Amino acid sequence: MLEDGVRNSHLEELLDGAFSVDIIRIFKSDPPVYQLAVDQLGCNPQDILFFPSNACDVSGSATFGFQAVWVNRFGQVPERLPGNPFLEIKTLDALLQYFSAD
């Protein structure tokens, strides 16, 4: 299902990978879920931008060491959980203002 979504959205050329917890049968916010991406990409946690849409996933991913970009579409109030987002945006296209045209 994940692969179909990436392909149908024409994102294959833009992503380094898309990983599913189906292969490890553990779910967020258990640290092995985030370690899966680190292992698959062969990088450090802080090298990964993670785009959660809820505060619980911000907490888990940021605490693990990812740079969490909270896509807070509905203006949710931050929960009192450990870990803070690197950035908070309302829509994914808002991210474009943070990249230069170089």
C-alpha atoms as a PDB file:
ATOM      1  CA  MET A   1       0.000   0.000   0.000  1.00  0.00           C
ATOM      2  CA  LEU A   2       2.819   2.412   0.884  1.00  0.00           C
ATOM      3  CA  GLU A   3       4.692   1.746  -2.349  1.00  0.00           C
ATOM      4  CA  ASP A   4       1.498   2.298  -4.357  1.00  0.00           C
ATOM      5  CA  GLY A   5       0.891   5.614  -2.594  1.00  0.00           C
ATOM      6  CA  VAL A   6       4.411   6.842  -3.343  1.00  0.00           C
ATOM      7  CA  ARG A   7       4.177   5.726  -6.974  1.00  0.00           C
ATOM      8  CA  ASN A   8       0.693   7.181  -7.527  1.00  0.00           C
ATOM      9  CA  SER A   9       1.833  10.490  -6.028  1.00  0.00           C
ATOM     10  CA  HIS A  10       4.868  10.522  -8.356  1.00  0.00           C
ATOM     11  CA  LEU A  11       7.246  10.873  -5.423  1.00  0.00           C
ATOM     12  CA  GLU A  12       9.668   8.029  -6.235  1.00  0.00           C
ATOM     13  CA  GLU A  13      12.376  10.371  -7.541  1.00  0.00           C
ATOM     14  CA  LEU A  14      12.079  12.714  -4.547  1.00  0.00           C
ATOM     15  CA  LEU A  15      12.371  10.241  -1.683  1.00  0.00           C
ATOM     16  CA  ASP A  16      15.393   8.305  -0.478  1.00  0.00           C
ATOM     17  CA  GLY A  17      13.047   5.623   0.789  1.00  0.00           C
ATOM     18  CA  ALA A  18       9.682   4.766   2.251  1.00  0.00           C
ATOM     19  CA  PHE A  19       9.670   2.273   5.110  1.00  0.00           C
ATOM     20  CA  SER A  20       6.854   0.455   6.824  1.00  0.00           C
ATOM     21  CA  VAL A  21       6.703  -0.984  10.321  1.00  0.00           C
ATOM     22  CA  ASP A  22       5.035  -4.025   8.781  1.00  0.00           C
ATOM     23  CA  ILE A  23       8.465  -5.655   8.426  1.00  0.00           C
ATOM     24  CA  ILE A  24       9.307  -5.371  12.141  1.00  0.00           C
ATOM     25  CA  ARG A  25       5.770  -5.613  13.595  1.00  0.00           C
ATOM     26  CA  ILE A  26       6.402  -2.839  16.137  1.00  0.00           C
ATOM     27  CA  PHE A  27       4.689   0.516  16.055  1.00  0.00           C
ATOM     28  CA  LYS A  28       5.544   4.147  16.814  1.00  0.00           C
ATOM     29  CA  SER A  29       6.742   5.439  19.184  1.00  0.00           C
ATOM     30  CA  ASP A  30       8.860   2.411  20.068  1.00  0.00           C
ATOM     31  CA  PRO A  31      12.529   3.321  19.248  1.00  0.00           C
ATOM     32  CA  PRO A  32      13.113   0.322  16.904  1.00  0.00           C
ATOM     33  CA  VAL A  33      10.608   1.910  14.517  1.00  0.00           C
ATOM     34  CA  TYR A  34      12.829   4.952  14.091  1.00  0.00           C
ATOM     35  CA  GLN A  35      15.982   2.817  14.073  1.00  0.00           C
ATOM     36  CA  LEU A  36      14.554   1.058  11.006  1.00  0.00           C
ATOM     37  CA  ALA A  37      14.903   4.266   8.968  1.00  0.00           C
ATOM     38  CA  VAL A  38      18.423   4.917  10.313  1.00  0.00           C
ATOM     39  CA  ASP A  39      19.491   1.385   9.366  1.00  0.00           C
ATOM     40  CA  GLN A  40      17.837   1.466   5.931  1.00  0.00           C
ATOM     41  CA  LEU A  41      19.339   4.853   5.043  1.00  0.00           C
ATOM     42  CA  GLY A  42      22.728   4.246   6.676  1.00  0.00           C
ATOM     43  CA  CYS A  43      22.771   7.618   8.396  1.00  0.00           C
ATOM     44  CA  ASN A  44      22.490   9.223  11.826  1.00  0.00           C
ATOM     45  CA  PRO A  45      19.090  10.032  13.366  1.00  0.00           C
ATOM     46  CA  GLN A  46      19.741  13.789  13.195  1.00  0.00           C
ATOM     47  CA  ASP A  47      20.153  13.488   9.400  1.00  0.00           C
ATOM     48  CA  ILE A  48      16.491  12.518   9.001  1.00  0.00           C
ATOM     49  CA  LEU A  49      13.636  14.976   8.568  1.00  0.00           C
ATOM     50  CA  PHE A  50      10.479  13.313   9.865  1.00  0.00           C
ATOM     51  CA  PHE A  51       7.034  14.757   9.099  1.00  0.00           C
ATOM     52  CA  PRO A  52       4.542  13.667  11.773  1.00  0.00           C
ATOM     53  CA  SER A  53       1.016  15.043  11.839  1.00  0.00           C
ATOM     54  CA  ASN A  54       0.345  14.496  15.527  1.00  0.00           C
ATOM     55  CA  ALA A  55       2.065  15.510  18.748  1.00  0.00           C
ATOM     56  CA  CYS A  56       2.667  11.930  19.894  1.00  0.00           C
ATOM     57  CA  ASP A  57       4.755  11.199  16.799  1.00  0.00           C
ATOM     58  CA  VAL A  58       6.600  14.511  17.214  1.00  0.00           C
ATOM     59  CA  SER A  59       7.572  13.392  20.705  1.00  0.00           C
ATOM     60  CA  GLY A  60       8.722   9.913  19.709  1.00  0.00           C
ATOM     61  CA  SER A  61      10.702  10.945  16.653  1.00  0.00           C
ATOM     62  CA  ALA A  62      12.290  14.049  18.208  1.00  0.00           C
ATOM     63  CA  THR A  63      13.238  12.146  21.353  1.00  0.00           C
ATOM     64  CA  PHE A  64      14.874   9.493  19.165  1.00  0.00           C
ATOM     65  CA  GLY A  65      16.926  12.194  17.457  1.00  0.00           C
ATOM     66  CA  PHE A  66      15.095  12.916  14.197  1.00  0.00           C
ATOM     67  CA  GLN A  67      14.468  16.475  13.089  1.00  0.00           C
ATOM     68  CA  ALA A  68      10.691  16.409  13.440  1.00  0.00           C
ATOM     69  CA  VAL A  69       8.745  18.811  11.247  1.00  0.00           C
ATOM     70  CA  TRP A  70       5.264  18.885  12.753  1.00  0.00           C
ATOM     71  CA  VAL A  71       2.639  19.196  10.039  1.00  0.00           C
ATOM     72  CA  ASN A  72       0.032  20.694  12.367  1.00  0.00           C
ATOM     73  CA  ARG A  73      -2.830  21.077   9.876  1.00  0.00           C
ATOM     74  CA  PHE A  74      -5.500  21.677  12.499  1.00  0.00           C
ATOM     75  CA  GLY A  75      -3.601  23.952  14.876  1.00  0.00           C
ATOM     76  CA  GLN A  76      -3.423  21.400  17.679  1.00  0.00           C
ATOM     77  CA  VAL A  77      -2.024  22.557  20.989  1.00  0.00           C
ATOM     78  CA  PRO A  78       1.324  20.898  21.790  1.00  0.00           C
ATOM     79  CA  GLU A  79       1.035  18.087  24.299  1.00  0.00           C
ATOM     80  CA  ARG A  80       3.143  17.930  27.444  1.00  0.00           C
ATOM     81  CA  LEU A  81       5.466  15.260  26.071  1.00  0.00           C
ATOM     82  CA  PRO A  82       9.249  15.113  25.731  1.00  0.00           C
ATOM     83  CA  GLY A  83      10.801  16.149  22.444  1.00  0.00           C
ATOM     84  CA  ASN A  84      10.092  19.264  20.421  1.00  0.00           C
ATOM     85  CA  PRO A  85       9.638  19.767  16.702  1.00  0.00           C
ATOM     86  CA  PHE A  86      12.486  21.242  14.714  1.00  0.00           C
ATOM     87  CA  LEU A  87       9.829  23.182  12.807  1.00  0.00           C
ATOM     88  CA  GLU A  88       6.031  23.455  12.842  1.00  0.00           C
ATOM     89  CA  ILE A  89       4.124  24.050   9.611  1.00  0.00           C
ATOM     90  CA  LYS A  90       0.451  23.944   8.692  1.00  0.00           C
ATOM     91  CA  THR A  91       0.838  22.468   5.190  1.00  0.00           C
ATOM     92  CA  LEU A  92       3.639  20.635   3.413  1.00  0.00           C
ATOM     93  CA  ASP A  93       3.984  23.381   0.819  1.00  0.00           C
ATOM     94  CA  ALA A  94       4.906  25.775   3.650  1.00  0.00           C
ATOM     95  CA  LEU A  95       8.182  23.855   3.849  1.00  0.00           C
ATOM     96  CA  LEU A  96       9.266  25.324   0.497  1.00  0.00           C
ATOM     97  CA  GLN A  97       9.999  28.708   2.066  1.00  0.00           C
ATOM     98  CA  TYR A  98      12.828  27.086   4.053  1.00  0.00           C
ATOM     99  CA  PHE A  99      14.705  25.911   0.955  1.00  0.00           C
ATOM    100  CA  SER A 100      16.663  28.221  -1.320  1.00  0.00           C
ATOM    101  CA  ALA A 101      16.379  28.120  -5.095  1.00  0.00           C
ATOM    102  CA  ASP A 102      20.129  27.376  -5.404  1.00  0.00           C
END
